[in-house]
Amino acid sequence: MRARRFASDVRSGVSRWPLNGASSGGTLVAEVSTPLRAGETDPGEVRLIEGKIHNLRLAIARLDGAVVPAGGTFSFWRQLGRASRRAGYVEGRELREGCIIPSVGGGICQLSNALYAAALDAGCDIVERHAHSQLVPGSAAVRGRDATVFWNYVDLRFRPKFELTIRCELDRDRLVARFWSSHDTEAPARAPSIAFDTGEVTAGAASCMSCRQVECIRHRRIHRVKPVGRSAFLLDAYWPEHDVFVASRATPSDMVCVPLDGRRVNLPQYAWTLAGFGSVRQARIETFVRAVRSRRLAGHGAARQRAMLRDAERLARRYARVLPKDAAHVVVMQNLLPYLWSNGFLTGRTFDVLMTSLPMHAIHDVLDAAARMHPSSATLADFRAPCEIVDAERDALERASLVVTPHQEIARRFGARALVLPWNIPVTPQARAPASKSVLFAGTTLGRSGAYEMREAARRSGFTVVLVGERDAECRDFWSGVEVKRVADFGQGLKLAPIVALPAFVEHRPRRLLHALAAGASVIASDACGLAPTNNLTIVATGDGEAFASAIDQGLSASRR
């Protein structure tokens, strides 16, 4: 039967339609939504359901965005190809002869069910459709809106009367299929959205995972049941605040991916606490390549930003290759998020995001506003991330269960979905700077660090600016007209200036400010620095140079009393 179907397809020229998922557009003519999980608690069944969701994830990648012309024949199997282990499919639930059995590629009938129901709503001519053998109350089969498939001769085929774009997606708990038409005059009125009680026709059927018919030939095919409810943690650069969160959530059934085991090889930038995880995966090659390339780049600038995006993409791909198929929940660092999302690895799962910066679109908005304030800056407008990465991050953040951050300004943008962590306060000796008209600048000479606001305040009030390091990224004579004293490290600066200031437009890691507060210094910072109100801290609005300069004057007056 498979050979006969293959031969007939060759003769008839059934096509695999190209994908063009850039935009839907036109008129929405059909929408069908079905749940991914139905509340099963048996460990074996849950494992197979997660396998089904993984299979749907792969199938949708070959289907989403398919454009079928008017009169063209859509074939489910011709579009997807065979659902084999070689293609990445795993064991899911399949209904065969009235029983639920583990089967490689099992569960993709939920997709064929949704496509068939959408095809009916869109007024397509049904060329081939096969009903399931089991009718379950409340299912799509009872309504006659199901379509079983079996490679390759039990197929779903339909022919639209107008050009259709097929869009399918998984959110955290549902499969959604939509048909769009670009020909408004030919398309029927939009059909109502259909949400079935179940996307599968398996309820009430005997299951290999729970039945006691051990003499059945299919019983031998069941693999040992692995732990369910697993989570995967996909990490990159070490943050002490996020480390506390990750360590508190780790269980022996969970997996963690890290660039390197930093504690074992004595690399503080990757010193995550890994003791609570059942398995640890490292990306040694990607990390080595990143380190070599990083040494060749300047400390700031567009070239470094582009390199960071490329490195994050490589690391995300490495993690995706080892991401457990049955991991229902993922905790992922923000820089990896857009690549995992755009390639479908987070669909059908819940996920939390460890936020390390503002969303990219928000950073762009802030820098655009700062560039308008300081058009002479060489750094405020030198780089913007590609639109497709920005959009992918925005879409993924809208679907995240939690965003986890110690940064107050980042947390504010996500409301109730934000889990605000306390900043890690370093242990440092008290620094007693002498009363002087000096202010320690806690940033580098960059527009986004508020260097222009700092310079203007110093010119107006005549205080000395204490700078860490010799390099000025904006321009060589940036501090012209300002008395400047340079020091080798931040700790030395704390001994010279009674006030530490950072009027930054963008500051995601205010480590120097935390150090200054722990040392007992007076700190003046913009709200973009993300610190919560505390003693010795004055917070001013981002970009408000007048308020910043006034706070400096008040602080210097108080230090002399």
Protein backbone atom coordinates (compact mmCIF):
# COMPACT_ATOMS: atom_id res chain seq x y z
CA MET A 1 0.00 0.00 0.00
CA ARG A 2 2.87 2.38 0.70
CA ALA A 3 4.47 1.60 -2.64
CA ARG A 4 1.18 2.03 -4.45
CA ARG A 5 0.60 5.42 -2.80
CA PHE A 6 4.11 6.55 -3.64
CA ALA A 7 3.66 5.58 -7.28
CA SER A 8 0.31 7.34 -7.56
CA ASP A 9 1.78 10.51 -6.04
CA VAL A 10 4.56 10.48 -8.61
CA ARG A 11 2.04 10.13 -11.43
CA SER A 12 -0.31 12.80 -10.12
CA GLY A 13 2.46 15.25 -9.16
CA VAL A 14 1.27 15.98 -5.59
CA SER A 15 3.45 18.82 -4.34
CA ARG A 16 5.02 19.93 -1.11
CA TRP A 17 4.04 23.58 -0.86
CA PRO A 18 6.64 26.26 -0.02
CA LEU A 19 6.63 27.99 3.34
CA ASN A 20 6.13 31.73 3.48
CA GLY A 21 5.45 32.52 7.10
CA ALA A 22 6.73 36.10 7.10
CA SER A 23 3.20 37.41 7.55
CA SER A 24 -0.32 36.08 7.41
CA GLY A 25 -2.27 39.03 6.02
CA GLY A 26 -5.60 38.88 4.27
CA THR A 27 -8.67 37.36 5.87
CA LEU A 28 -8.77 34.78 8.64
CA VAL A 29 -11.17 32.16 7.31
CA ALA A 30 -10.76 29.36 9.86
CA GLU A 31 -9.32 28.88 13.33
CA VAL A 32 -9.24 25.69 15.38
CA SER A 33 -7.75 25.32 18.86
CA THR A 34 -7.21 22.12 20.84
CA PRO A 35 -5.50 21.45 24.20
CA LEU A 36 -2.11 19.77 24.36
CA ARG A 37 -2.54 18.16 27.75
CA ALA A 38 -5.68 16.66 29.23
CA GLY A 39 -4.75 16.35 32.89
CA GLU A 40 -3.25 12.84 32.91
CA THR A 41 -1.18 12.06 36.00
CA ASP A 42 0.16 8.58 35.22
CA PRO A 43 3.94 9.00 34.68
CA GLY A 44 3.91 6.84 31.56
CA GLU A 45 1.06 8.74 29.99
CA VAL A 46 2.64 12.09 30.82
CA ARG A 47 5.87 10.97 29.18
CA LEU A 48 4.03 10.03 26.00
CA ILE A 49 2.10 13.30 26.01
CA GLU A 50 5.34 15.27 26.21
CA GLY A 51 6.63 13.09 23.37
CA LYS A 52 3.52 13.97 21.38
CA ILE A 53 4.11 17.67 21.95
CA HIS A 54 7.69 17.29 20.73
CA ASN A 55 6.40 15.52 17.61
CA LEU A 56 3.91 18.31 16.99
CA ARG A 57 6.73 20.82 17.34
CA LEU A 58 8.69 19.10 14.57
CA ALA A 59 5.67 18.64 12.33
CA ILE A 60 4.62 22.28 12.60
CA ALA A 61 8.11 23.40 11.56
CA ARG A 62 7.50 21.76 8.15
CA LEU A 63 3.94 23.03 7.86
CA ASP A 64 3.62 26.51 9.34
CA GLY A 65 3.45 29.10 6.59
CA ALA A 66 2.61 26.70 3.75
CA VAL A 67 0.89 28.54 0.90
CA VAL A 68 -1.55 26.34 -1.03
CA PRO A 69 -2.79 27.86 -4.31
CA ALA A 70 -6.40 27.77 -5.43
CA GLY A 71 -7.11 24.31 -6.81
CA GLY A 72 -3.85 22.88 -5.44
CA THR A 73 -3.97 19.68 -3.41
CA PHE A 74 -2.60 19.76 0.11
CA SER A 75 -1.27 16.41 1.34
CA PHE A 76 -0.45 16.00 5.01
CA TRP A 77 2.29 13.42 4.45
CA ARG A 78 3.71 15.06 1.35
CA GLN A 79 4.10 18.27 3.35
CA LEU A 80 5.58 16.72 6.50
CA GLY A 81 7.55 13.73 5.28
CA ARG A 82 7.85 10.54 7.28
CA ALA A 83 7.73 10.89 11.08
CA SER A 84 10.76 8.70 11.85
CA ARG A 85 13.44 8.59 14.53
CA ARG A 86 15.93 9.73 11.91
CA ALA A 87 13.84 12.89 11.44
CA GLY A 88 13.92 13.52 15.20
CA TYR A 89 10.51 12.13 16.20
CA VAL A 90 10.07 10.28 19.47
CA GLU A 91 7.49 8.02 21.04
CA GLY A 92 4.10 9.60 21.50
CA ARG A 93 0.54 8.31 21.89
CA GLU A 94 -1.07 6.60 18.91
CA LEU A 95 -4.56 5.11 18.74
CA ARG A 96 -4.37 1.78 16.92
CA GLU A 97 -7.09 -0.88 16.85
CA GLY A 98 -8.82 0.72 19.81
CA CYS A 99 -5.74 0.91 22.03
CA ILE A 100 -3.33 3.68 22.90
CA ILE A 101 0.18 2.50 22.13
CA PRO A 102 3.62 4.13 22.22
CA SER A 103 4.63 4.93 18.65
CA VAL A 104 7.40 6.99 17.07
CA GLY A 105 5.70 10.08 15.72
CA GLY A 106 2.60 9.37 17.80
CA GLY A 107 0.26 12.26 18.50
CA ILE A 108 0.50 14.15 15.23
CA CYS A 109 -3.09 13.13 14.52
CA GLN A 110 -3.96 16.10 16.72
CA LEU A 111 -2.52 18.27 13.96
CA SER A 112 -4.36 16.43 11.19
CA ASN A 113 -7.60 16.74 13.20
CA ALA A 114 -7.15 20.49 13.46
CA LEU A 115 -6.28 20.87 9.78
CA TYR A 116 -9.31 18.87 8.70
CA ALA A 117 -11.67 20.91 10.89
CA ALA A 118 -10.14 24.13 9.56
CA ALA A 119 -10.44 22.87 5.98
CA LEU A 120 -14.15 22.24 6.52
CA ASP A 121 -14.64 25.73 7.92
CA ALA A 122 -12.72 27.27 5.03
CA GLY A 123 -14.94 25.55 2.47
CA CYS A 124 -12.18 23.37 1.00
CA ASP A 125 -12.95 20.31 -1.12
CA ILE A 126 -11.97 17.25 0.91
CA VAL A 127 -10.01 14.91 -1.36
CA GLU A 128 -9.12 12.27 1.26
CA ARG A 129 -9.96 11.84 4.90
CA HIS A 130 -10.12 8.82 7.22
CA ALA A 131 -11.98 8.71 10.53
CA HIS A 132 -10.51 7.24 13.70
CA SER A 133 -11.56 3.77 14.77
CA GLN A 134 -12.53 4.92 18.27
CA LEU A 135 -15.34 7.36 19.03
CA VAL A 136 -15.03 9.08 22.38
CA PRO A 137 -17.74 11.35 23.82
CA GLY A 138 -16.77 15.01 23.54
CA SER A 139 -14.04 14.41 20.96
CA ALA A 140 -13.66 15.72 17.42
CA ALA A 141 -14.53 12.25 16.13
CA VAL A 142 -18.08 12.46 17.47
CA ARG A 143 -18.59 15.63 15.43
CA GLY A 144 -17.10 14.03 12.35
CA ARG A 145 -14.24 16.53 12.41
CA ASP A 146 -11.31 14.17 12.96
CA ALA A 147 -8.79 12.83 10.46
CA THR A 148 -6.42 9.99 11.28
CA VAL A 149 -3.18 9.55 9.34
CA PHE A 150 -0.69 6.71 8.94
CA TRP A 151 2.41 6.92 6.75
CA ASN A 152 1.91 7.28 3.87
CA TYR A 153 -1.26 5.74 2.49
CA VAL A 154 -3.71 6.94 5.17
CA ASP A 155 -3.53 10.64 4.39
CA LEU A 156 -5.43 13.89 4.78
CA ARG A 157 -5.85 15.80 1.53
CA PHE A 158 -7.93 18.83 0.66
CA ARG A 159 -8.15 21.36 -2.15
CA PRO A 160 -8.88 25.05 -1.38
CA LYS A 161 -11.03 27.13 -3.70
CA PHE A 162 -8.78 30.16 -3.15
CA GLU A 163 -5.16 30.58 -2.12
CA LEU A 164 -4.64 29.68 1.54
CA THR A 165 -1.80 30.27 3.95
CA ILE A 166 -1.70 27.66 6.72
CA ARG A 167 -0.42 28.92 10.07
CA CYS A 168 0.00 26.56 13.00
CA GLU A 169 1.51 27.20 16.41
CA LEU A 170 1.87 25.75 19.88
CA ASP A 171 1.46 27.96 22.87
CA ARG A 172 2.05 26.71 26.39
CA ASP A 173 -1.05 24.50 26.46
CA ARG A 174 -2.83 24.56 23.09
CA LEU A 175 -2.38 23.76 19.42
CA VAL A 176 -3.84 26.45 17.17
CA ALA A 177 -4.37 26.09 13.41
CA ARG A 178 -5.42 29.09 11.30
CA PHE A 179 -6.19 29.42 7.60
CA TRP A 180 -5.67 32.82 5.98
CA SER A 181 -6.74 33.95 2.55
CA SER A 182 -5.11 36.79 0.64
CA HIS A 183 -8.15 37.05 -1.69
CA ASP A 184 -10.75 38.89 0.35
CA THR A 185 -13.39 38.85 -2.38
CA GLU A 186 -13.25 35.08 -2.85
CA ALA A 187 -12.86 34.03 0.76
CA PRO A 188 -15.93 33.12 2.83
CA ALA A 189 -16.78 35.08 5.94
CA ARG A 190 -14.53 34.20 8.84
CA ALA A 191 -15.69 31.05 10.55
CA PRO A 192 -16.06 31.11 14.34
CA SER A 193 -13.08 29.95 16.37
CA ILE A 194 -13.54 26.29 17.35
CA ALA A 195 -12.09 24.99 20.62
CA PHE A 196 -12.63 21.25 21.07
CA ASP A 197 -12.68 19.67 24.50
CA THR A 198 -9.91 17.34 23.41
CA GLY A 199 -7.59 17.31 20.43
CA GLU A 200 -7.17 13.55 20.60
CA VAL A 201 -9.60 10.66 20.36
CA THR A 202 -7.97 8.55 23.05
CA ALA A 203 -10.02 9.08 26.23
CA GLY A 204 -11.52 5.83 27.45
CA ALA A 205 -9.29 3.64 25.27
CA ALA A 206 -6.99 1.04 26.83
CA SER A 207 -3.41 2.22 27.14
CA CYS A 208 -0.17 0.25 27.06
CA MET A 209 1.06 2.38 29.94
CA SER A 210 -1.71 1.36 32.30
CA CYS A 211 -3.43 -1.82 31.08
CA ARG A 212 -2.40 -5.24 32.40
CA GLN A 213 -2.45 -7.15 29.13
CA VAL A 214 1.23 -8.06 29.27
CA GLU A 215 0.76 -10.83 26.68
CA CYS A 216 -0.03 -8.25 24.01
CA ILE A 217 2.64 -8.13 21.30
CA ARG A 218 2.91 -4.38 21.69
CA HIS A 219 3.70 -4.57 25.40
CA ARG A 220 7.31 -5.45 24.60
CA ARG A 221 7.76 -2.10 22.86
CA ILE A 222 7.32 0.00 26.01
CA HIS A 223 10.55 1.58 27.18
CA ARG A 224 11.44 2.17 30.80
CA VAL A 225 9.47 5.15 32.08
CA LYS A 226 11.73 8.15 32.75
CA PRO A 227 11.03 10.83 35.35
CA VAL A 228 8.32 13.25 34.29
CA GLY A 229 7.77 16.87 35.13
CA ARG A 230 11.39 17.56 34.24
CA SER A 231 12.74 21.05 33.79
CA ALA A 232 15.70 22.22 31.75
CA PHE A 233 17.83 25.20 32.75
CA LEU A 234 19.70 26.92 29.91
CA LEU A 235 22.30 29.27 31.37
CA ASP A 236 25.11 31.51 30.20
CA ALA A 237 27.09 34.16 32.10
CA TYR A 238 26.89 33.91 35.89
CA TRP A 239 24.64 36.23 37.88
CA PRO A 240 24.71 35.68 41.66
CA GLU A 241 21.04 36.71 41.98
CA HIS A 242 19.92 34.24 39.33
CA ASP A 243 22.16 31.55 40.82
CA VAL A 244 20.18 31.64 44.07
CA PHE A 245 16.93 31.27 42.11
CA VAL A 246 18.24 28.41 39.94
CA ALA A 247 19.70 26.51 42.89
CA SER A 248 16.38 26.76 44.74
CA ARG A 249 14.48 25.22 41.80
CA ALA A 250 16.88 22.41 40.84
CA THR A 251 15.83 18.77 41.35
CA PRO A 252 17.64 15.48 40.62
CA SER A 253 15.42 14.90 37.57
CA ASP A 254 16.31 18.26 35.98
CA MET A 255 19.01 19.04 33.45
CA VAL A 256 21.16 22.16 33.27
CA CYS A 257 23.17 23.48 30.32
CA VAL A 258 26.11 25.79 31.06
CA PRO A 259 29.00 27.08 28.96
CA LEU A 260 31.45 25.51 31.45
CA ASP A 261 31.38 24.18 34.98
CA GLY A 262 32.95 27.36 36.28
CA ARG A 263 33.46 26.19 39.86
CA ARG A 264 35.36 23.11 38.73
CA VAL A 265 37.67 24.99 36.35
CA ASN A 266 37.87 28.15 38.51
CA LEU A 267 36.16 30.55 36.09
CA PRO A 268 34.00 32.98 38.12
CA GLN A 269 32.08 34.12 35.03
CA TYR A 270 30.45 30.65 34.87
CA ALA A 271 30.41 29.75 38.59
CA TRP A 272 26.83 28.41 38.73
CA THR A 273 25.73 26.14 41.57
CA LEU A 274 25.14 22.79 39.83
CA ALA A 275 25.02 20.31 42.73
CA GLY A 276 21.22 19.90 42.72
CA PHE A 277 20.86 18.83 39.08
CA GLY A 278 20.63 15.27 37.80
CA SER A 279 22.62 16.00 34.66
CA VAL A 280 24.91 18.80 33.51
CA ARG A 281 25.74 19.58 29.88
CA GLN A 282 28.57 21.91 28.89
CA ALA A 283 29.28 23.78 25.66
CA ARG A 284 33.08 23.71 25.76
CA ILE A 285 33.77 24.31 22.07
CA GLU A 286 31.33 27.21 21.73
CA THR A 287 32.71 28.79 24.90
CA PHE A 288 36.32 28.47 23.75
CA VAL A 289 35.52 30.01 20.36
CA ARG A 290 33.66 32.87 22.04
CA ALA A 291 36.58 33.59 24.37
CA VAL A 292 39.09 33.70 21.50
CA ARG A 293 36.92 36.03 19.43
CA SER A 294 36.14 38.28 22.36
CA ARG A 295 39.82 39.04 22.96
CA ARG A 296 40.11 40.42 19.43
CA LEU A 297 37.31 42.96 19.90
CA ALA A 298 37.14 46.34 21.56
CA GLY A 299 35.48 46.57 24.95
CA HIS A 300 32.53 48.49 23.49
CA GLY A 301 30.97 49.17 20.12
CA ALA A 302 28.85 47.72 17.36
CA ALA A 303 31.32 44.98 16.44
CA ARG A 304 31.21 43.56 19.97
CA GLN A 305 27.41 43.74 20.06
CA ARG A 306 27.12 41.84 16.77
CA ALA A 307 29.58 39.24 18.02
CA MET A 308 27.59 38.78 21.22
CA LEU A 309 24.44 38.08 19.22
CA ARG A 310 26.24 35.52 17.05
CA ASP A 311 27.74 33.82 20.09
CA ALA A 312 24.35 33.64 21.81
CA GLU A 313 22.86 32.03 18.70
CA ARG A 314 25.60 29.38 18.59
CA LEU A 315 25.16 28.60 22.26
CA ALA A 316 21.37 28.38 21.87
CA ARG A 317 21.77 25.90 18.99
CA ARG A 318 24.12 23.79 21.09
CA TYR A 319 21.66 23.70 23.97
CA ALA A 320 18.75 22.92 21.63
CA ARG A 321 20.49 19.74 20.47
CA VAL A 322 20.52 18.32 24.00
CA LEU A 323 17.25 19.80 25.29
CA PRO A 324 15.25 16.84 26.69
CA LYS A 325 12.20 16.03 24.60
CA ASP A 326 10.15 15.48 27.76
CA ALA A 327 11.16 18.73 29.45
CA ALA A 328 7.81 20.41 29.99
CA HIS A 329 9.34 23.53 31.56
CA VAL A 330 12.42 25.53 30.62
CA VAL A 331 14.29 28.24 32.51
CA VAL A 332 16.30 30.20 29.96
CA MET A 333 18.62 33.19 30.04
CA GLN A 334 17.41 36.17 28.07
CA ASN A 335 20.22 36.33 25.51
CA LEU A 336 19.37 32.78 24.31
CA LEU A 337 15.62 33.40 24.21
CA PRO A 338 15.00 34.78 20.68
CA TYR A 339 16.90 31.96 18.97
CA LEU A 340 15.22 29.17 20.92
CA TRP A 341 11.82 30.78 20.36
CA SER A 342 12.17 31.49 16.63
CA ASN A 343 13.26 27.88 16.01
CA GLY A 344 10.31 26.43 17.91
CA PHE A 345 12.15 24.84 20.83
CA LEU A 346 10.04 26.59 23.48
CA THR A 347 6.63 26.06 21.89
CA GLY A 348 4.36 23.67 23.74
CA ARG A 349 6.34 24.27 26.93
CA THR A 350 6.08 26.68 29.80
CA PHE A 351 9.19 28.74 30.36
CA ASP A 352 10.67 31.35 32.68
CA VAL A 353 13.20 33.94 31.54
CA LEU A 354 16.20 35.03 33.57
CA MET A 355 16.27 38.68 32.53
CA THR A 356 19.72 40.25 32.23
CA SER A 357 18.70 43.44 30.40
CA LEU A 358 15.75 45.43 29.18
CA PRO A 359 14.01 43.86 26.18
CA MET A 360 15.85 44.83 23.01
CA HIS A 361 12.99 46.92 21.67
CA ALA A 362 12.98 48.90 24.93
CA ILE A 363 16.75 49.41 24.75
CA HIS A 364 16.34 50.74 21.22
CA ASP A 365 13.68 53.20 22.37
CA VAL A 366 15.86 54.44 25.25
CA LEU A 367 18.95 54.84 23.07
CA ASP A 368 16.97 56.57 20.32
CA ALA A 369 15.72 59.11 22.86
CA ALA A 370 19.23 59.60 24.26
CA ALA A 371 20.67 60.03 20.75
CA ARG A 372 18.17 62.82 20.08
CA MET A 373 19.33 64.53 23.27
CA HIS A 374 23.02 64.11 22.35
CA PRO A 375 23.30 63.98 18.53
CA SER A 376 27.08 64.40 18.67
CA SER A 377 27.52 61.08 20.50
CA ALA A 378 29.50 58.46 18.61
CA THR A 379 28.09 55.58 20.62
CA LEU A 380 24.37 56.10 21.26
CA ALA A 381 23.29 55.23 17.71
CA ASP A 382 26.11 52.96 16.54
CA PHE A 383 24.19 49.65 16.80
CA ARG A 384 20.65 48.28 16.74
CA ALA A 385 19.82 44.57 16.80
CA PRO A 386 18.21 43.05 13.66
CA CYS A 387 14.42 43.36 13.56
CA GLU A 388 13.82 39.60 13.39
CA ILE A 389 15.73 39.05 16.65
CA VAL A 390 13.98 41.93 18.37
CA ASP A 391 10.57 40.65 17.27
CA ALA A 392 11.36 37.07 18.33
CA GLU A 393 12.39 38.24 21.78
CA ARG A 394 9.26 40.37 22.12
CA ASP A 395 6.99 37.46 21.10
CA ALA A 396 8.71 35.06 23.48
CA LEU A 397 8.56 37.45 26.42
CA GLU A 398 4.82 37.84 25.89
CA ARG A 399 4.46 34.05 26.36
CA ALA A 400 6.82 33.65 29.33
CA SER A 401 5.33 32.45 32.61
CA LEU A 402 7.77 34.45 34.74
CA VAL A 403 10.49 36.99 34.14
CA VAL A 404 13.06 36.75 36.90
CA THR A 405 15.25 39.76 37.66
CA PRO A 406 16.70 41.87 40.48
CA HIS A 407 16.40 44.99 38.29
CA GLN A 408 13.52 47.24 39.37
CA GLU A 409 13.07 48.96 36.00
CA ILE A 410 12.99 45.65 34.09
CA ALA A 411 10.52 44.18 36.59
CA ARG A 412 8.24 47.21 36.29
CA ARG A 413 7.64 46.48 32.61
CA PHE A 414 6.22 43.01 33.31
CA GLY A 415 3.89 43.70 36.22
CA ALA A 416 2.56 40.60 37.97
CA ARG A 417 4.68 38.25 35.83
CA ALA A 418 7.91 39.65 37.28
CA LEU A 419 9.66 37.85 40.12
CA VAL A 420 11.91 40.47 41.71
CA LEU A 421 15.04 39.09 43.33
CA PRO A 422 17.15 40.97 45.88
CA TRP A 423 20.44 42.32 44.57
CA ASN A 424 23.52 40.54 45.83
CA ILE A 425 25.27 43.00 48.15
CA PRO A 426 29.05 42.45 48.19
CA VAL A 427 30.97 42.25 51.44
CA THR A 428 33.37 45.17 51.36
CA PRO A 429 35.12 47.31 53.99
CA GLN A 430 33.71 50.73 54.77
CA ALA A 431 35.30 53.49 52.67
CA ARG A 432 35.58 56.87 54.39
CA ALA A 433 36.40 59.42 51.71
CA PRO A 434 37.54 62.85 52.93
CA ALA A 435 35.18 65.78 52.52
CA SER A 436 36.04 67.12 49.07
CA LYS A 437 34.43 68.50 45.98
CA SER A 438 34.89 65.22 44.07
CA VAL A 439 32.39 62.81 42.54
CA LEU A 440 33.27 59.27 41.45
CA PHE A 441 31.70 58.40 38.09
CA ALA A 442 30.57 54.76 38.31
CA GLY A 443 30.43 54.22 34.58
CA THR A 444 32.62 54.42 31.50
CA THR A 445 32.79 57.46 29.24
CA LEU A 446 29.82 56.44 27.11
CA GLY A 447 26.62 58.26 26.26
CA ARG A 448 24.48 55.40 27.55
CA SER A 449 26.25 55.62 30.93
CA GLY A 450 25.21 59.24 31.30
CA ALA A 451 28.64 60.73 30.55
CA TYR A 452 27.10 63.84 28.98
CA GLU A 453 24.95 64.51 32.05
CA MET A 454 27.97 63.96 34.29
CA ARG A 455 30.09 66.37 32.26
CA GLU A 456 27.40 69.07 32.22
CA ALA A 457 26.92 68.83 35.99
CA ALA A 458 30.69 69.08 36.56
CA ARG A 459 31.01 72.13 34.32
CA ARG A 460 28.14 73.83 36.11
CA SER A 461 29.20 73.07 39.69
CA GLY A 462 32.97 72.85 39.26
CA PHE A 463 33.51 69.54 41.05
CA THR A 464 36.28 67.08 40.17
CA VAL A 465 35.21 63.95 38.30
CA VAL A 466 37.02 60.80 39.43
CA LEU A 467 37.24 58.31 36.55
CA VAL A 468 38.23 54.65 36.59
CA GLY A 469 40.64 53.80 33.77
CA GLU A 470 42.33 55.78 31.03
CA ARG A 471 40.11 55.17 27.99
CA ASP A 472 37.28 57.50 26.94
CA ALA A 473 35.05 55.76 24.38
CA GLU A 474 33.11 58.85 23.28
CA CYS A 475 36.10 60.90 22.11
CA ARG A 476 39.62 61.75 23.20
CA ASP A 477 38.93 65.23 24.63
CA PHE A 478 35.47 64.46 25.99
CA TRP A 479 36.18 65.84 29.47
CA SER A 480 37.56 69.14 28.19
CA GLY A 481 36.70 71.94 30.63
CA VAL A 482 36.30 69.53 33.56
CA GLU A 483 38.86 68.76 36.24
CA VAL A 484 39.44 65.02 36.08
CA LYS A 485 41.33 62.62 38.31
CA ARG A 486 41.90 59.08 37.05
CA VAL A 487 42.35 56.00 39.23
CA ALA A 488 43.24 52.43 38.44
CA ASP A 489 40.27 50.74 40.13
CA PHE A 490 36.91 51.54 41.67
CA GLY A 491 38.01 50.83 45.24
CA GLN A 492 40.70 53.49 44.96
CA GLY A 493 38.10 55.97 43.71
CA LEU A 494 35.89 55.32 46.75
CA LYS A 495 38.71 56.58 48.97
CA LEU A 496 38.85 59.90 47.11
CA ALA A 497 35.22 60.94 46.51
CA PRO A 498 32.37 61.18 49.05
CA ILE A 499 29.74 60.75 46.31
CA VAL A 500 29.34 58.06 43.65
CA ALA A 501 27.16 58.93 40.66
CA LEU A 502 25.75 57.15 37.61
CA PRO A 503 23.05 58.98 35.57
CA ALA A 504 22.89 56.10 33.06
CA PHE A 505 20.32 55.66 30.29
CA VAL A 506 21.04 51.91 30.19
CA GLU A 507 22.61 50.04 33.11
CA HIS A 508 21.74 46.41 33.70
CA ARG A 509 24.49 45.39 36.12
CA PRO A 510 24.96 48.17 38.69
CA ARG A 511 27.72 46.26 40.48
CA ARG A 512 29.80 49.37 41.19
CA LEU A 513 26.81 51.09 42.76
CA LEU A 514 26.14 48.07 44.96
CA HIS A 515 29.80 48.09 45.96
CA ALA A 516 29.58 51.78 46.84
CA LEU A 517 26.42 51.32 48.92
CA ALA A 518 28.00 48.40 50.78
CA ALA A 519 31.02 50.61 51.50
CA GLY A 520 28.77 53.30 53.00
CA ALA A 521 29.19 55.88 50.22
CA SER A 522 26.45 58.27 49.11
CA VAL A 523 25.11 57.19 45.71
CA ILE A 524 23.16 59.18 43.11
CA ALA A 525 21.78 57.07 40.25
CA SER A 526 19.14 57.17 37.56
CA ASP A 527 16.13 54.86 37.81
CA ALA A 528 17.54 53.03 34.77
CA CYS A 529 20.11 51.50 37.15
CA GLY A 530 17.38 49.32 38.64
CA LEU A 531 18.13 49.78 42.32
CA ALA A 532 15.45 49.69 44.99
CA PRO A 533 15.28 52.67 47.38
CA THR A 534 17.63 52.33 50.32
CA ASN A 535 19.75 54.41 52.70
CA ASN A 536 22.38 56.68 51.11
CA LEU A 537 20.76 56.29 47.66
CA THR A 538 19.19 59.13 45.66
CA ILE A 539 17.31 58.08 42.53
CA VAL A 540 16.68 60.60 39.74
CA ALA A 541 14.70 60.23 36.53
CA THR A 542 16.64 58.91 33.56
CA GLY A 543 17.76 61.71 31.25
CA ASP A 544 16.85 64.51 33.68
CA GLY A 545 20.18 66.35 33.75
CA GLU A 546 18.81 69.20 35.84
CA ALA A 547 17.58 66.89 38.61
CA PHE A 548 20.86 65.00 38.53
CA ALA A 549 22.96 68.16 38.84
CA SER A 550 20.79 69.40 41.74
CA ALA A 551 21.22 66.08 43.54
CA ILE A 552 25.00 66.35 43.12
CA ASP A 553 25.02 69.88 44.57
CA GLN A 554 22.94 68.78 47.56
CA GLY A 555 25.14 65.76 48.13
CA LEU A 556 28.35 67.78 48.05
CA SER A 557 26.89 70.33 50.46
CA ALA A 558 25.86 67.57 52.87
CA SER A 559 29.29 65.91 52.71
CA ARG A 560 31.01 69.13 53.81
CA ARG A 561 28.84 69.51 56.91
